[in-house]
C-alpha atoms as a PDB file:
ATOM      1  CA  MET A   1      49.536 -55.116 -22.306  1.00  0.00           C
ATOM      2  CA  PHE A   2      49.320 -52.165 -24.619  1.00  0.00           C
ATOM      3  CA  GLU A   3      52.217 -51.480 -26.778  1.00  0.00           C
ATOM      4  CA  TYR A   4      51.329 -48.109 -28.463  1.00  0.00           C
ATOM      5  CA  ALA A   5      54.401 -45.738 -28.144  1.00  0.00           C
ATOM      6  CA  SER A   6      56.176 -47.917 -25.873  1.00  0.00           C
ATOM      7  CA  SER A   7      58.826 -50.557 -25.691  1.00  0.00           C
ATOM      8  CA  ARG A   8      57.290 -52.327 -22.620  1.00  0.00           C
ATOM      9  CA  ARG A   9      55.850 -55.297 -24.740  1.00  0.00           C
ATOM     10  CA  ALA A  10      59.160 -56.062 -26.414  1.00  0.00           C
ATOM     11  CA  ARG A  11      60.658 -56.073 -22.914  1.00  0.00           C
ATOM     12  CA  LEU A  12      57.797 -58.459 -21.542  1.00  0.00           C
ATOM     13  CA  PHE A  13      58.512 -60.844 -24.279  1.00  0.00           C
ATOM     14  CA  ALA A  14      62.341 -60.707 -23.595  1.00  0.00           C
ATOM     15  CA  ALA A  15      61.762 -61.276 -19.885  1.00  0.00           C
ATOM     16  CA  ALA A  16      59.417 -64.037 -20.544  1.00  0.00           C
ATOM     17  CA  GLU A  17      61.557 -65.771 -22.750  1.00  0.00           C
ATOM     18  CA  LYS A  18      64.362 -66.136 -20.341  1.00  0.00           C
ATOM     19  CA  LEU A  19      61.632 -67.909 -17.920  1.00  0.00           C
ATOM     20  CA  GLY A  20      60.923 -70.329 -20.703  1.00  0.00           C
ATOM     21  CA  TYR A  21      57.993 -68.693 -22.473  1.00  0.00           C
ATOM     22  CA  LYS A  22      59.436 -69.039 -25.940  1.00  0.00           C
ATOM     23  CA  TYR A  23      56.242 -68.686 -27.585  1.00  0.00           C
ATOM     24  CA  TYR A  24      53.712 -65.702 -27.877  1.00  0.00           C
ATOM     25  CA  VAL A  25      51.031 -63.987 -29.822  1.00  0.00           C
ATOM     26  CA  ALA A  26      49.845 -60.533 -29.518  1.00  0.00           C
ATOM     27  CA  SER A  27      47.364 -57.800 -30.789  1.00  0.00           C
ATOM     28  CA  GLU A  28      48.549 -56.230 -34.021  1.00  0.00           C
ATOM     29  CA  ARG A  29      50.725 -53.096 -33.572  1.00  0.00           C
ATOM     30  CA  ARG A  30      49.068 -49.764 -34.464  1.00  0.00           C
ATOM     31  CA  PHE A  31      50.662 -46.570 -35.182  1.00  0.00           C
ATOM     32  CA  LEU A  32      49.411 -42.787 -35.303  1.00  0.00           C
ATOM     33  CA  TRP A  33      48.097 -43.145 -38.702  1.00  0.00           C
ATOM     34  CA  HIS A  34      45.491 -45.814 -37.639  1.00  0.00           C
ATOM     35  CA  MET A  35      43.935 -43.313 -35.188  1.00  0.00           C
ATOM     36  CA  ALA A  36      43.971 -46.178 -32.529  1.00  0.00           C
ATOM     37  CA  ILE A  37      46.125 -48.222 -30.175  1.00  0.00           C
ATOM     38  CA  ASP A  38      46.453 -51.835 -29.939  1.00  0.00           C
ATOM     39  CA  GLY A  39      44.081 -54.068 -28.286  1.00  0.00           C
ATOM     40  CA  GLY A  40      46.657 -55.054 -25.546  1.00  0.00           C
ATOM     41  CA  LEU A  41      46.207 -58.842 -25.706  1.00  0.00           C
ATOM     42  CA  VAL A  42      49.092 -61.066 -25.289  1.00  0.00           C
ATOM     43  CA  ILE A  43      49.427 -65.023 -25.086  1.00  0.00           C
ATOM     44  CA  LEU A  44      52.496 -66.540 -23.557  1.00  0.00           C
ATOM     45  CA  SER A  45      53.507 -70.121 -23.704  1.00  0.00           C
ATOM     46  CA  LYS A  46      56.137 -72.557 -22.824  1.00  0.00           C
ATOM     47  CA  LEU A  47      54.628 -75.125 -25.417  1.00  0.00           C
ATOM     48  CA  PRO A  48      54.606 -74.456 -29.022  1.00  0.00           C
ATOM     49  CA  ILE A  49      51.626 -72.135 -30.498  1.00  0.00           C
ATOM     50  CA  VAL A  50      50.886 -73.964 -33.783  1.00  0.00           C
ATOM     51  CA  HIS A  51      48.259 -71.500 -34.956  1.00  0.00           C
ATOM     52  CA  MET A  52      46.811 -68.102 -33.979  1.00  0.00           C
ATOM     53  CA  GLU A  53      44.106 -65.837 -35.216  1.00  0.00           C
ATOM     54  CA  THR A  54      42.450 -62.610 -34.095  1.00  0.00           C
ATOM     55  CA  ILE A  55      39.678 -60.289 -34.659  1.00  0.00           C
ATOM     56  CA  THR A  56      38.856 -56.718 -33.943  1.00  0.00           C
ATOM     57  CA  TYR A  57      35.572 -55.658 -32.482  1.00  0.00           C
ATOM     58  CA  GLN A  58      33.559 -52.801 -33.565  1.00  0.00           C
ATOM     59  CA  ARG A  59      34.993 -49.378 -32.079  1.00  0.00           C
ATOM     60  CA  GLY A  60      34.351 -48.959 -28.475  1.00  0.00           C
ATOM     61  CA  MET A  61      32.515 -45.931 -26.918  1.00  0.00           C
ATOM     62  CA  GLY A  62      34.107 -43.035 -24.916  1.00  0.00           C
ATOM     63  CA  PRO A  63      37.742 -43.568 -24.027  1.00  0.00           C
ATOM     64  CA  ASP A  64      37.612 -47.096 -25.318  1.00  0.00           C
ATOM     65  CA  TRP A  65      37.041 -45.658 -29.026  1.00  0.00           C
ATOM     66  CA  LEU A  66      40.886 -45.421 -29.165  1.00  0.00           C
ATOM     67  CA  ALA A  67      41.644 -48.842 -28.564  1.00  0.00           C
ATOM     68  CA  GLN A  68      41.331 -51.457 -30.961  1.00  0.00           C
ATOM     69  CA  LYS A  69      39.961 -54.106 -28.688  1.00  0.00           C
ATOM     70  CA  GLY A  70      39.236 -57.730 -29.721  1.00  0.00           C
ATOM     71  CA  VAL A  71      39.864 -61.324 -29.173  1.00  0.00           C
ATOM     72  CA  LEU A  72      43.197 -63.352 -29.717  1.00  0.00           C
ATOM     73  CA  TYR A  73      43.341 -67.080 -30.648  1.00  0.00           C
ATOM     74  CA  ALA A  74      46.029 -69.540 -29.836  1.00  0.00           C
ATOM     75  CA  LYS A  75      46.023 -73.202 -30.575  1.00  0.00           C
ATOM     76  CA  VAL A  76      48.821 -74.567 -28.251  1.00  0.00           C
ATOM     77  CA  ASP A  77      50.452 -78.072 -28.797  1.00  0.00           C
ATOM     78  CA  VAL A  78      50.605 -79.663 -25.275  1.00  0.00           C
ATOM     79  CA  GLY A  79      52.028 -83.063 -26.688  1.00  0.00           C
ATOM     80  CA  GLY A  80      50.721 -86.473 -26.929  1.00  0.00           C
ATOM     81  CA  GLY A  81      48.679 -85.677 -30.015  1.00  0.00           C
ATOM     82  CA  SER A  82      46.423 -83.061 -28.306  1.00  0.00           C
ATOM     83  CA  HIS A  83      46.032 -79.251 -27.904  1.00  0.00           C
ATOM     84  CA  THR A  84      44.463 -76.448 -25.826  1.00  0.00           C
ATOM     85  CA  HIS A  85      42.627 -73.665 -27.481  1.00  0.00           C
ATOM     86  CA  VAL A  86      43.111 -70.332 -25.632  1.00  0.00           C
ATOM     87  CA  PHE A  87      41.069 -67.115 -26.370  1.00  0.00           C
ATOM     88  CA  THR A  88      41.656 -63.854 -24.371  1.00  0.00           C
ATOM     89  CA  THR A  89      39.618 -60.659 -24.868  1.00  0.00           C
ATOM     90  CA  HIS A  90      39.474 -57.262 -23.570  1.00  0.00           C
ATOM     91  CA  THR A  91      35.966 -55.680 -24.185  1.00  0.00           C
ATOM     92  CA  GLN A  92      34.403 -52.318 -23.801  1.00  0.00           C
ATOM     93  CA  ALA A  93      34.803 -50.920 -20.207  1.00  0.00           C
ATOM     94  CA  SER A  94      32.405 -48.920 -18.024  1.00  0.00           C
ATOM     95  CA  TYR A  95      33.482 -46.285 -15.801  1.00  0.00           C
ATOM     96  CA  GLY A  96      31.851 -45.991 -12.092  1.00  0.00           C
ATOM     97  CA  GLU A  97      28.607 -47.081 -11.615  1.00  0.00           C
ATOM     98  CA  VAL A  98      27.162 -49.691 -14.120  1.00  0.00           C
ATOM     99  CA  VAL A  99      23.408 -49.947 -14.907  1.00  0.00           C
ATOM    100  CA  VAL A 100      22.656 -52.669 -17.430  1.00  0.00           C
ATOM    101  CA  THR A 101      20.567 -50.379 -19.674  1.00  0.00           C
ATOM    102  CA  GLN A 102      23.360 -47.932 -20.430  1.00  0.00           C
ATOM    103  CA  PRO A 103      24.741 -47.797 -23.891  1.00  0.00           C
ATOM    104  CA  ASP A 104      28.314 -49.017 -23.034  1.00  0.00           C
ATOM    105  CA  VAL A 105      26.830 -52.487 -21.649  1.00  0.00           C
ATOM    106  CA  LYS A 106      24.982 -52.980 -24.927  1.00  0.00           C
ATOM    107  CA  ARG A 107      28.005 -52.254 -26.831  1.00  0.00           C
ATOM    108  CA  ARG A 108      30.022 -54.832 -24.646  1.00  0.00           C
ATOM    109  CA  LEU A 109      27.574 -57.418 -25.190  1.00  0.00           C
ATOM    110  CA  ALA A 110      27.463 -56.769 -29.014  1.00  0.00           C
ATOM    111  CA  GLN A 111      31.237 -57.494 -28.691  1.00  0.00           C
ATOM    112  CA  LEU A 112      30.646 -60.649 -26.725  1.00  0.00           C
ATOM    113  CA  TYR A 113      28.419 -61.624 -29.536  1.00  0.00           C
ATOM    114  CA  GLU A 114      30.930 -61.125 -32.021  1.00  0.00           C
ATOM    115  CA  PHE A 115      33.267 -63.276 -29.715  1.00  0.00           C
ATOM    116  CA  HIS A 116      31.020 -66.172 -30.058  1.00  0.00           C
ATOM    117  CA  GLY A 117      30.934 -65.683 -33.867  1.00  0.00           C
ATOM    118  CA  PHE A 118      34.642 -65.838 -33.904  1.00  0.00           C
ATOM    119  CA  MET A 119      34.415 -69.218 -31.871  1.00  0.00           C
ATOM    120  CA  GLU A 120      31.971 -70.524 -34.302  1.00  0.00           C
ATOM    121  CA  GLN A 121      34.427 -69.789 -37.206  1.00  0.00           C
ATOM    122  CA  VAL A 122      37.614 -71.114 -35.401  1.00  0.00           C
ATOM    123  CA  LEU A 123      36.741 -74.123 -33.445  1.00  0.00           C
ATOM    124  CA  PRO A 124      35.119 -76.260 -36.320  1.00  0.00           C
ATOM    125  CA  LYS A 125      38.557 -75.864 -38.256  1.00  0.00           C
ATOM    126  CA  TYR A 126      41.054 -76.200 -35.419  1.00  0.00           C
ATOM    127  CA  ARG A 127      39.627 -78.018 -32.585  1.00  0.00           C
ATOM    128  CA  ALA A 128      39.537 -82.016 -32.436  1.00  0.00           C
ATOM    129  CA  LYS A 129      37.038 -83.813 -29.892  1.00  0.00           C
ATOM    130  CA  GLY A 130      38.197 -83.849 -26.214  1.00  0.00           C
ATOM    131  CA  GLU A 131      40.523 -80.797 -26.862  1.00  0.00           C
ATOM    132  CA  PRO A 132      39.766 -78.118 -24.103  1.00  0.00           C
ATOM    133  CA  VAL A 133      38.783 -74.591 -24.869  1.00  0.00           C
ATOM    134  CA  ILE A 134      39.731 -71.649 -22.537  1.00  0.00           C
ATOM    135  CA  LEU A 135      38.078 -68.057 -22.614  1.00  0.00           C
ATOM    136  CA  THR A 136      39.871 -65.808 -20.398  1.00  0.00           C
ATOM    137  CA  GLY A 137      40.744 -62.049 -19.959  1.00  0.00           C
ATOM    138  CA  ASP A 138      39.371 -58.710 -18.867  1.00  0.00           C
ATOM    139  CA  PHE A 139      35.597 -59.140 -20.067  1.00  0.00           C
ATOM    140  CA  ASN A 140      34.745 -55.910 -17.950  1.00  0.00           C
ATOM    141  CA  VAL A 141      31.348 -57.636 -17.197  1.00  0.00           C
ATOM    142  CA  ASP A 142      30.736 -57.328 -13.352  1.00  0.00           C
ATOM    143  CA  SER A 143      28.895 -60.856 -12.286  1.00  0.00           C
ATOM    144  CA  ARG A 144      28.625 -59.789  -8.542  1.00  0.00           C
ATOM    145  CA  ASN A 145      25.134 -58.498  -7.482  1.00  0.00           C
ATOM    146  CA  HIS A 146      26.259 -56.123  -4.746  1.00  0.00           C
ATOM    147  CA  GLN A 147      23.397 -57.065  -2.626  1.00  0.00           C
ATOM    148  CA  LEU A 148      24.319 -57.293   1.355  1.00  0.00           C
ATOM    149  CA  SER A 149      23.248 -60.696   2.529  1.00  0.00           C
ATOM    150  CA  ASP A 150      23.025 -59.623   6.029  1.00  0.00           C
ATOM    151  CA  PRO A 151      22.519 -55.808   6.202  1.00  0.00           C
ATOM    152  CA  GLU A 152      21.279 -55.914   9.741  1.00  0.00           C
ATOM    153  CA  HIS A 153      24.433 -57.096  11.065  1.00  0.00           C
ATOM    154  CA  VAL A 154      27.033 -56.015   8.428  1.00  0.00           C
ATOM    155  CA  SER A 155      27.032 -52.786   6.594  1.00  0.00           C
ATOM    156  CA  TYR A 156      29.628 -53.217   4.180  1.00  0.00           C
ATOM    157  CA  GLU A 157      29.942 -55.677   1.294  1.00  0.00           C
ATOM    158  CA  ARG A 158      31.960 -58.797   2.040  1.00  0.00           C
ATOM    159  CA  GLU A 159      33.794 -60.709  -1.044  1.00  0.00           C
ATOM    160  CA  VAL A 160      32.302 -64.393  -0.078  1.00  0.00           C
ATOM    161  CA  GLU A 161      28.986 -63.839   1.540  1.00  0.00           C
ATOM    162  CA  ASP A 162      27.610 -61.030  -0.848  1.00  0.00           C
ATOM    163  CA  GLY A 163      29.280 -62.629  -3.966  1.00  0.00           C
ATOM    164  CA  ILE A 164      27.209 -65.551  -4.504  1.00  0.00           C
ATOM    165  CA  THR A 165      24.287 -64.455  -6.680  1.00  0.00           C
ATOM    166  CA  THR A 166      24.925 -63.371 -10.328  1.00  0.00           C
ATOM    167  CA  SER A 167      24.234 -59.876 -11.553  1.00  0.00           C
ATOM    168  CA  GLU A 168      22.020 -59.412 -14.601  1.00  0.00           C
ATOM    169  CA  GLU A 169      24.867 -58.523 -16.830  1.00  0.00           C
ATOM    170  CA  GLY A 170      26.649 -61.409 -15.717  1.00  0.00           C
ATOM    171  CA  MET A 171      23.984 -63.730 -16.729  1.00  0.00           C
ATOM    172  CA  ALA A 172      23.610 -61.883 -19.936  1.00  0.00           C
ATOM    173  CA  MET A 173      27.414 -62.229 -20.781  1.00  0.00           C
ATOM    174  CA  MET A 174      27.102 -65.954 -20.334  1.00  0.00           C
ATOM    175  CA  ALA A 175      23.880 -66.271 -22.248  1.00  0.00           C
ATOM    176  CA  VAL A 176      25.422 -64.257 -25.201  1.00  0.00           C
ATOM    177  CA  LEU A 177      28.839 -66.137 -25.381  1.00  0.00           C
ATOM    178  CA  SER A 178      27.321 -69.488 -25.070  1.00  0.00           C
ATOM    179  CA  GLY A 179      24.979 -68.424 -27.900  1.00  0.00           C
ATOM    180  CA  HIS A 180      21.477 -68.801 -26.143  1.00  0.00           C
ATOM    181  CA  GLY A 181      20.963 -64.890 -26.440  1.00  0.00           C
ATOM    182  CA  ILE A 182      19.074 -62.516 -23.980  1.00  0.00           C
ATOM    183  CA  ASP A 183      15.588 -61.388 -23.673  1.00  0.00           C
ATOM    184  CA  PRO A 184      15.980 -57.982 -25.550  1.00  0.00           C
ATOM    185  CA  LYS A 185      14.140 -56.178 -22.628  1.00  0.00           C
ATOM    186  CA  VAL A 186      17.061 -56.783 -20.288  1.00  0.00           C
ATOM    187  CA  LEU A 187      18.840 -53.978 -22.186  1.00  0.00           C
ATOM    188  CA  GLY A 188      15.683 -51.545 -22.085  1.00  0.00           C
ATOM    189  CA  PRO A 189      12.223 -51.514 -23.356  1.00  0.00           C
ATOM    190  CA  ASP A 190      13.267 -50.280 -26.722  1.00  0.00           C
ATOM    191  CA  ASN A 191      16.091 -52.809 -27.256  1.00  0.00           C
ATOM    192  CA  ARG A 192      15.242 -55.316 -30.130  1.00  0.00           C
ATOM    193  CA  ASP A 193      18.814 -57.258 -29.976  1.00  0.00           C
ATOM    194  CA  THR A 194      18.862 -60.847 -28.642  1.00  0.00           C
ATOM    195  CA  PHE A 195      22.474 -61.684 -29.668  1.00  0.00           C
ATOM    196  CA  LYS A 196      21.318 -65.114 -30.254  1.00  0.00           C
ATOM    197  CA  SER A 197      23.429 -67.562 -31.992  1.00  0.00           C
ATOM    198  CA  LYS A 198      22.723 -70.648 -34.190  1.00  0.00           C
ATOM    199  CA  VAL A 199      25.591 -72.719 -32.394  1.00  0.00           C
ATOM    200  CA  VAL A 200      25.534 -73.262 -28.576  1.00  0.00           C
ATOM    201  CA  PHE A 201      28.641 -73.657 -26.598  1.00  0.00           C
ATOM    202  CA  ASP A 202      28.257 -75.313 -23.106  1.00  0.00           C
ATOM    203  CA  LEU A 203      30.466 -72.900 -21.105  1.00  0.00           C
ATOM    204  CA  HIS A 204      31.236 -72.941 -17.580  1.00  0.00           C
ATOM    205  CA  ASP A 205      32.526 -70.272 -15.389  1.00  0.00           C
ATOM    206  CA  THR A 206      35.003 -72.049 -13.412  1.00  0.00           C
ATOM    207  CA  LEU A 207      35.970 -69.650 -10.692  1.00  0.00           C
ATOM    208  CA  LYS A 208      32.045 -69.433  -9.670  1.00  0.00           C
ATOM    209  CA  GLU A 209      31.498 -73.300  -9.903  1.00  0.00           C
ATOM    210  CA  ARG A 210      34.597 -73.989  -7.879  1.00  0.00           C
ATOM    211  CA  LEU A 211      34.694 -71.325  -5.185  1.00  0.00           C
ATOM    212  CA  GLY A 212      30.913 -70.918  -4.916  1.00  0.00           C
ATOM    213  CA  TYR A 213      30.990 -67.089  -5.664  1.00  0.00           C
ATOM    214  CA  HIS A 214      32.172 -64.560  -7.738  1.00  0.00           C
ATOM    215  CA  PRO A 215      35.623 -63.465  -6.571  1.00  0.00           C
ATOM    216  CA  VAL A 216      36.791 -59.665  -6.556  1.00  0.00           C
ATOM    217  CA  THR A 217      39.109 -59.038  -9.193  1.00  0.00           C
ATOM    218  CA  PHE A 218      39.022 -55.352  -9.456  1.00  0.00           C
ATOM    219  CA  GLY A 219      38.690 -52.615  -6.980  1.00  0.00           C
ATOM    220  CA  ASN A 220      39.007 -54.629  -3.970  1.00  0.00           C
ATOM    221  CA  THR A 221      38.551 -53.535  -0.392  1.00  0.00           C
ATOM    222  CA  VAL A 222      40.048 -53.947   3.156  1.00  0.00           C
ATOM    223  CA  VAL A 223      38.222 -53.611   6.358  1.00  0.00           C
ATOM    224  CA  ASP A 224      40.215 -52.285   9.480  1.00  0.00           C
ATOM    225  CA  GLU A 225      39.567 -53.215  13.197  1.00  0.00           C
ATOM    226  CA  HIS A 226      37.070 -50.527  13.406  1.00  0.00           C
ATOM    227  CA  GLY A 227      34.901 -51.794  10.674  1.00  0.00           C
ATOM    228  CA  VAL A 228      35.872 -48.987   8.224  1.00  0.00           C
ATOM    229  CA  VAL A 229      36.199 -49.901   4.496  1.00  0.00           C
ATOM    230  CA  HIS A 230      39.367 -48.794   2.758  1.00  0.00           C
ATOM    231  CA  ALA A 231      40.475 -49.175  -0.858  1.00  0.00           C
ATOM    232  CA  ARG A 232      42.964 -51.983  -1.314  1.00  0.00           C
ATOM    233  CA  GLU A 233      44.734 -50.354  -4.192  1.00  0.00           C
ATOM    234  CA  THR A 234      44.900 -46.772  -4.833  1.00  0.00           C
ATOM    235  CA  ILE A 235      47.960 -46.230  -6.803  1.00  0.00           C
ATOM    236  CA  LEU A 236      46.766 -47.957 -10.404  1.00  0.00           C
ATOM    237  CA  THR A 237      42.804 -47.724  -9.811  1.00  0.00           C
ATOM    238  CA  THR A 238      41.011 -44.481 -10.634  1.00  0.00           C
ATOM    239  CA  THR A 239      39.422 -42.905  -7.740  1.00  0.00           C
ATOM    240  CA  GLN A 240      35.901 -43.586  -9.080  1.00  0.00           C
ATOM    241  CA  ASP A 241      36.669 -47.210  -9.200  1.00  0.00           C
ATOM    242  CA  ASN A 242      37.984 -47.500  -5.533  1.00  0.00           C
ATOM    243  CA  LYS A 243      35.956 -49.951  -3.539  1.00  0.00           C
ATOM    244  CA  VAL A 244      33.761 -51.105  -6.365  1.00  0.00           C
ATOM    245  CA  MET A 245      34.389 -54.655  -5.680  1.00  0.00           C
ATOM    246  CA  HIS A 246      33.830 -55.939  -9.247  1.00  0.00           C
ATOM    247  CA  SER A 247      34.382 -59.336 -10.569  1.00  0.00           C
ATOM    248  CA  ILE A 248      35.353 -58.727 -14.276  1.00  0.00           C
ATOM    249  CA  ASP A 249      38.171 -61.229 -15.097  1.00  0.00           C
ATOM    250  CA  TYR A 250      37.232 -64.880 -15.967  1.00  0.00           C
ATOM    251  CA  VAL A 251      38.250 -68.342 -17.013  1.00  0.00           C
ATOM    252  CA  LEU A 252      35.508 -69.861 -18.885  1.00  0.00           C
ATOM    253  CA  TRP A 253      35.823 -73.731 -19.858  1.00  0.00           C
ATOM    254  CA  TYR A 254      34.333 -75.673 -22.615  1.00  0.00           C
ATOM    255  CA  ASN A 255      34.948 -79.252 -23.536  1.00  0.00           C
ATOM    256  CA  PRO A 256      31.844 -81.122 -23.776  1.00  0.00           C
ATOM    257  CA  ASP A 257      33.110 -84.276 -25.410  1.00  0.00           C
ATOM    258  CA  VAL A 258      36.120 -84.800 -22.985  1.00  0.00           C
ATOM    259  CA  ASP A 259      36.272 -88.493 -23.158  1.00  0.00           C
ATOM    260  CA  GLN A 260      36.139 -88.693 -26.961  1.00  0.00           C
ATOM    261  CA  HIS A 261      39.640 -87.764 -27.844  1.00  0.00           C
ATOM    262  CA  SER A 262      41.108 -89.709 -30.634  1.00  0.00           C
ATOM    263  CA  LYS A 263      44.445 -90.441 -28.703  1.00  0.00           C
ATOM    264  CA  GLY A 264      42.682 -91.463 -25.497  1.00  0.00           C
ATOM    265  CA  ILE A 265      43.974 -88.051 -23.817  1.00  0.00           C
ATOM    266  CA  VAL A 266      41.344 -86.647 -20.971  1.00  0.00           C
ATOM    267  CA  ALA A 267      41.679 -83.075 -20.133  1.00  0.00           C
ATOM    268  CA  SER A 268      40.495 -81.803 -16.708  1.00  0.00           C
ATOM    269  CA  MET A 269      40.387 -78.528 -14.897  1.00  0.00           C
ATOM    270  CA  GLU A 270      42.308 -79.585 -11.792  1.00  0.00           C
ATOM    271  CA  ASP A 271      42.374 -76.042 -10.028  1.00  0.00           C
ATOM    272  CA  VAL A 272      41.214 -72.320 -10.611  1.00  0.00           C
ATOM    273  CA  GLY A 273      41.752 -69.259  -8.528  1.00  0.00           C
ATOM    274  CA  VAL A 274      42.632 -65.500  -8.108  1.00  0.00           C
ATOM    275  CA  VAL A 275      46.237 -64.348  -7.806  1.00  0.00           C
ATOM    276  CA  PRO A 276      46.539 -60.775  -6.439  1.00  0.00           C
ATOM    277  CA  ASN A 277      50.194 -60.407  -7.147  1.00  0.00           C
ATOM    278  CA  PHE A 278      50.888 -57.965  -4.402  1.00  0.00           C
ATOM    279  CA  THR A 279      54.228 -56.168  -4.464  1.00  0.00           C
ATOM    280  CA  PRO A 280      55.594 -55.601  -0.937  1.00  0.00           C
ATOM    281  CA  GLY A 281      58.348 -53.020  -0.710  1.00  0.00           C
ATOM    282  CA  MET A 282      57.354 -51.404  -4.085  1.00  0.00           C
ATOM    283  CA  PRO A 283      55.914 -47.741  -4.522  1.00  0.00           C
ATOM    284  CA  PHE A 284      52.740 -49.575  -5.931  1.00  0.00           C
ATOM    285  CA  THR A 285      50.799 -52.327  -3.998  1.00  0.00           C
ATOM    286  CA  GLN A 286      50.287 -54.747  -7.049  1.00  0.00           C
ATOM    287  CA  ILE A 287      51.493 -55.245 -10.572  1.00  0.00           C
ATOM    288  CA  SER A 288      47.955 -54.198 -12.051  1.00  0.00           C
ATOM    289  CA  ASP A 289      44.791 -52.630 -11.152  1.00  0.00           C
ATOM    290  CA  HIS A 290      43.357 -55.922 -11.688  1.00  0.00           C
ATOM    291  CA  TYR A 291      44.087 -59.268  -9.732  1.00  0.00           C
ATOM    292  CA  GLY A 292      45.183 -62.184 -12.137  1.00  0.00           C
ATOM    293  CA  VAL A 293      43.236 -65.502 -12.559  1.00  0.00           C
ATOM    294  CA  SER A 294      45.012 -68.597 -13.052  1.00  0.00           C
ATOM    295  CA  ALA A 295      43.914 -72.324 -13.849  1.00  0.00           C
ATOM    296  CA  ASP A 296      45.714 -75.798 -13.737  1.00  0.00           C
ATOM    297  CA  ILE A 297      44.741 -78.275 -16.545  1.00  0.00           C
ATOM    298  CA  ARG A 298      45.683 -81.776 -16.327  1.00  0.00           C
ATOM    299  CA  PHE A 299      46.280 -83.991 -19.594  1.00  0.00           C
ATOM    300  CA  ALA A 300      46.234 -87.839 -18.816  1.00  0.00           C
ATOM    301  CA  PRO A 301      45.368 -91.301 -20.681  1.00  0.00           C
ATOM    302  CA  LYS A 302      41.984 -91.941 -20.310  1.00  0.00           C
ATOM    303  CA  GLU A 303      41.414 -94.525 -17.508  1.00  0.00           C
ATOM    304  CA  LYS A 304      40.648 -98.345 -18.852  1.00  0.00           C
ATOM    305  CA  GLU A 305      37.134 -99.380 -17.878  1.00  0.00           C
END
């Protein structure tokens, strides 16, 4: 939620506190003399946030030059001597059709490389073994391949059946964030950047792993009884992004030493999903142009062998 020239973030915090979310961290405020708006990142919690840090990415391209996007980190005390480590981000956007060789894609992957570097700095200092790490937010990387699985019988893209394979950029995102890096030619014959890191994180795309496909979180569609495809949301979504069926919001999970917590606490991902947040009876159909993503994490004593 961007705060620049608005009181909406303060109103959000006040409303959230009434619901029990007493703790929060947010992107640093920006003013006119900064020649930029804030990054729009917020983490709300009912549990104490005991440490926070943030970074600002290199400036974006096009309209994104105005927003100081980056990563926000919070260490949350979940009790019992354990913590959850939450990172949220908002990266360089693309507008309209996306080709992996275009400049804004490279800028986005460069920002995700910065994200990985931030994790390299933060996690060794603040994470104990067995404590889960969650990466979430608007990554602006569309992991759907948009190839029809049965074009002879179905002429339009379906969420489940046509969302199983992963796009080139989706694979590149996971490779850069994990630290493995990419083949530089993915971004074009003249590219030399691999975005490879020294430290590798075993990250899991929980939505894809649990659902078996990349769910639509932006630019969804509805199909009427005549087989005509319509945009699901047109008030908050720009015309060029109507019906794009992108999967650009994520819940990534990292906890390779899950059974090694010093207090014997085991953290497990119990459920994960997409939350559309529709608003029947309102002049707009949903609270954001994006769907929300959600996850339930369980902390429990380690079972005795």
